[in-house]
N, C-alpha and C. Protein backbone atom coordinates (compact mmCIF):
# COMPACT_ATOMS: atom_id res chain seq x y z
N MET A 1 84.91 71.91 124.54
CA MET A 1 86.51 72.24 124.38
C MET A 1 86.70 72.14 122.74
N THR A 2 87.79 72.96 122.26
CA THR A 2 88.03 72.73 120.88
C THR A 2 89.16 71.91 120.63
N THR A 3 89.00 71.31 119.56
CA THR A 3 90.23 70.51 119.11
C THR A 3 91.42 71.15 118.56
N LEU A 4 92.78 70.70 118.88
CA LEU A 4 93.91 71.29 118.63
C LEU A 4 93.95 70.94 116.88
N ILE A 5 94.25 72.00 116.18
CA ILE A 5 94.32 72.01 114.71
C ILE A 5 95.90 71.87 114.43
N ALA A 6 96.40 70.51 114.16
CA ALA A 6 97.66 70.12 114.05
C ALA A 6 98.51 70.93 112.65
N ASN A 7 97.47 70.87 111.70
CA ASN A 7 98.14 71.29 110.23
C ASN A 7 98.16 72.89 110.27
N PRO A 8 99.29 73.37 110.06
CA PRO A 8 99.33 74.76 109.95
C PRO A 8 98.75 75.42 109.02
N SER A 9 98.55 74.78 107.82
CA SER A 9 97.84 75.43 106.54
C SER A 9 96.43 75.51 106.96
N GLU A 10 95.80 74.37 107.56
CA GLU A 10 94.45 74.42 108.00
C GLU A 10 94.23 75.42 109.05
N LEU A 11 95.17 75.68 109.88
CA LEU A 11 95.14 76.59 110.96
C LEU A 11 95.00 78.01 110.50
N ARG A 12 95.72 78.49 109.31
CA ARG A 12 95.91 79.58 108.75
C ARG A 12 94.54 79.78 108.10
N ARG A 13 93.92 78.75 107.51
CA ARG A 13 92.94 78.77 106.58
C ARG A 13 91.72 79.10 107.49
N ARG A 14 91.59 78.23 108.56
CA ARG A 14 90.30 78.62 109.28
C ARG A 14 90.34 79.89 110.11
N GLY A 15 91.52 80.40 110.61
CA GLY A 15 91.76 81.48 111.21
C GLY A 15 91.18 82.74 110.52
N PHE A 16 91.89 82.66 109.36
CA PHE A 16 91.62 83.94 108.44
C PHE A 16 89.89 83.65 108.13
N GLU A 17 89.44 82.62 107.78
CA GLU A 17 88.11 82.72 107.55
C GLU A 17 86.99 83.07 108.80
N SER A 18 87.88 82.66 109.92
CA SER A 18 87.05 83.44 111.29
C SER A 18 87.29 84.76 111.23
N LEU A 19 88.30 85.29 111.04
CA LEU A 19 88.45 86.63 110.99
C LEU A 19 87.56 87.43 109.70
N ALA A 20 87.70 86.95 108.78
CA ALA A 20 86.81 87.62 107.52
C ALA A 20 85.34 87.43 107.96
N ALA A 21 85.00 86.41 108.54
CA ALA A 21 83.57 86.37 108.99
C ALA A 21 83.07 87.23 109.84
N THR A 22 83.84 87.34 110.78
CA THR A 22 83.49 88.50 111.87
C THR A 22 83.95 90.05 111.55
N LEU A 23 84.99 90.14 111.05
CA LEU A 23 85.38 91.65 110.53
C LEU A 23 85.31 92.11 109.02
N GLY A 24 84.94 91.17 108.22
CA GLY A 24 84.93 91.28 106.50
C GLY A 24 86.28 91.35 106.22
N TRP A 25 86.46 90.95 105.10
CA TRP A 25 87.74 90.79 104.34
C TRP A 25 88.65 91.90 104.53
N VAL A 26 88.23 93.20 104.14
CA VAL A 26 89.13 94.20 104.31
C VAL A 26 89.68 94.40 105.41
N ASN A 27 88.73 94.37 106.60
CA ASN A 27 89.39 94.85 108.00
C ASN A 27 90.18 93.50 108.51
N ALA A 28 89.71 92.35 107.89
CA ALA A 28 90.63 91.25 108.39
C ALA A 28 92.14 91.09 107.95
N VAL A 29 92.07 91.46 106.79
CA VAL A 29 93.54 92.10 106.16
C VAL A 29 94.18 93.13 106.88
N ARG A 30 93.44 94.11 107.14
CA ARG A 30 93.95 95.32 107.85
C ARG A 30 94.40 94.87 109.10
N PHE A 31 93.72 94.19 109.79
CA PHE A 31 94.15 93.36 111.27
C PHE A 31 95.49 92.83 111.04
N LEU A 32 95.54 91.74 110.03
CA LEU A 32 96.46 91.10 110.10
C LEU A 32 97.97 91.95 109.63
N GLN A 33 97.76 92.78 108.75
CA GLN A 33 99.14 93.89 108.49
C GLN A 33 99.41 94.52 109.83
N GLN A 34 98.69 94.59 110.86
CA GLN A 34 99.06 95.37 111.97
C GLN A 34 100.28 94.42 112.68
N TYR A 35 100.46 93.10 112.48
CA TYR A 35 101.47 92.24 113.08
C TYR A 35 102.53 91.88 111.89
N GLU A 36 102.54 92.43 110.94
CA GLU A 36 103.29 92.31 109.75
C GLU A 36 104.12 93.58 109.53
N TYR A 37 105.11 93.62 110.28
CA TYR A 37 106.27 94.67 110.27
C TYR A 37 107.44 94.56 109.10
N GLY A 38 107.51 95.42 108.19
CA GLY A 38 108.59 95.36 107.37
C GLY A 38 109.94 95.71 107.75
N SER A 39 110.80 95.49 106.98
CA SER A 39 112.14 96.13 107.58
C SER A 39 112.79 96.34 106.22
N GLY A 40 113.63 97.26 106.12
CA GLY A 40 114.56 98.01 105.19
C GLY A 40 113.89 98.86 104.35
N ASP A 41 114.49 99.29 103.28
CA ASP A 41 113.87 100.37 102.38
C ASP A 41 113.51 99.94 101.09
N TYR A 42 112.20 99.31 101.11
CA TYR A 42 112.02 98.84 99.63
C TYR A 42 112.17 99.86 98.39
N ALA A 43 112.09 100.99 98.49
CA ALA A 43 112.05 101.90 97.56
C ALA A 43 113.72 101.79 96.81
N HIS A 44 114.26 101.75 98.00
CA HIS A 44 115.71 101.77 97.64
C HIS A 44 116.43 100.64 97.18
N ASP A 45 115.78 99.38 97.72
CA ASP A 45 116.20 98.03 97.32
C ASP A 45 115.45 97.54 96.12
N ARG A 46 114.39 97.81 95.53
CA ARG A 46 113.87 97.58 94.47
C ARG A 46 114.81 97.99 93.31
N ASP A 47 115.30 98.92 93.41
CA ASP A 47 116.38 99.47 92.20
C ASP A 47 117.34 98.61 91.95
N ARG A 48 117.98 97.71 93.17
CA ARG A 48 118.91 96.77 92.97
C ARG A 48 118.32 95.21 92.49
N PHE A 49 116.95 95.15 92.46
CA PHE A 49 116.63 93.96 92.23
C PHE A 49 115.98 94.15 90.58
N LEU A 50 115.26 95.16 90.56
CA LEU A 50 114.34 95.22 89.21
C LEU A 50 115.54 95.85 87.99
N PRO A 51 115.09 94.97 86.91
CA PRO A 51 116.15 95.80 85.70
C PRO A 51 115.57 97.00 85.39
N ASP A 52 116.33 97.73 84.67
CA ASP A 52 116.40 99.21 84.38
C ASP A 52 115.39 99.15 83.11
N TRP A 53 114.21 98.69 82.80
CA TRP A 53 113.59 98.74 81.61
C TRP A 53 112.61 99.79 81.38
N ASP A 54 112.49 100.28 80.33
CA ASP A 54 111.76 101.41 80.03
C ASP A 54 110.19 100.87 79.67
N PRO A 55 109.19 101.59 79.83
CA PRO A 55 107.92 101.18 79.24
C PRO A 55 107.81 100.42 77.84
N GLU A 56 108.56 101.15 76.91
CA GLU A 56 108.43 100.64 75.46
C GLU A 56 109.18 99.12 75.51
N GLN A 57 110.07 98.92 76.37
CA GLN A 57 111.07 97.69 76.29
C GLN A 57 109.97 96.67 76.77
N LEU A 58 109.35 97.05 78.01
CA LEU A 58 108.59 96.01 78.65
C LEU A 58 107.15 95.59 77.56
N LEU A 59 106.67 96.35 76.93
CA LEU A 59 105.66 96.07 75.98
C LEU A 59 106.14 95.27 74.99
N LYS A 60 107.50 95.38 74.29
CA LYS A 60 108.16 94.87 73.24
C LYS A 60 108.27 93.39 73.97
N MET A 61 108.62 93.29 75.02
CA MET A 61 108.97 91.88 75.80
C MET A 61 107.65 90.99 75.94
N SER A 62 106.82 91.88 76.34
CA SER A 62 105.29 91.32 76.67
C SER A 62 104.69 90.67 75.06
N HIS A 63 104.85 91.36 74.17
CA HIS A 63 104.49 90.86 72.98
C HIS A 63 105.18 89.77 72.42
N GLN A 64 106.44 89.69 72.64
CA GLN A 64 107.30 88.57 72.43
C GLN A 64 107.07 87.45 73.01
N ARG A 65 106.64 87.60 74.22
CA ARG A 65 106.16 86.47 75.26
C ARG A 65 104.92 85.90 74.75
N ASP A 66 103.85 86.97 74.50
CA ASP A 66 102.67 86.26 73.98
C ASP A 66 102.82 85.63 72.60
N GLN A 67 103.58 85.91 71.64
CA GLN A 67 103.71 85.15 70.62
C GLN A 67 104.43 84.05 70.76
N SER A 68 105.43 83.73 71.69
CA SER A 68 105.99 82.51 71.87
C SER A 68 105.16 81.60 72.52
N SER A 69 103.97 81.85 73.09
CA SER A 69 103.47 81.00 74.04
C SER A 69 102.09 80.58 73.13
N ARG A 70 101.99 81.08 71.85
CA ARG A 70 100.95 80.36 70.94
C ARG A 70 101.50 79.14 70.21
């Protein structure tokens, strides 16, 4: 008889390790994705959440962040 795993984090960790050991990492993730149904329209919603930055502006901000972290 197996013992009850009360800690949800431990249960997830051991459950995924068991799936990965049996199916391999890629197939374990694909299996879990079958039960993870999304909702809404991400392509439409991301325009509301993400700023309207062009690639040049992103590079400039990245360089500024690198400079400030030194």
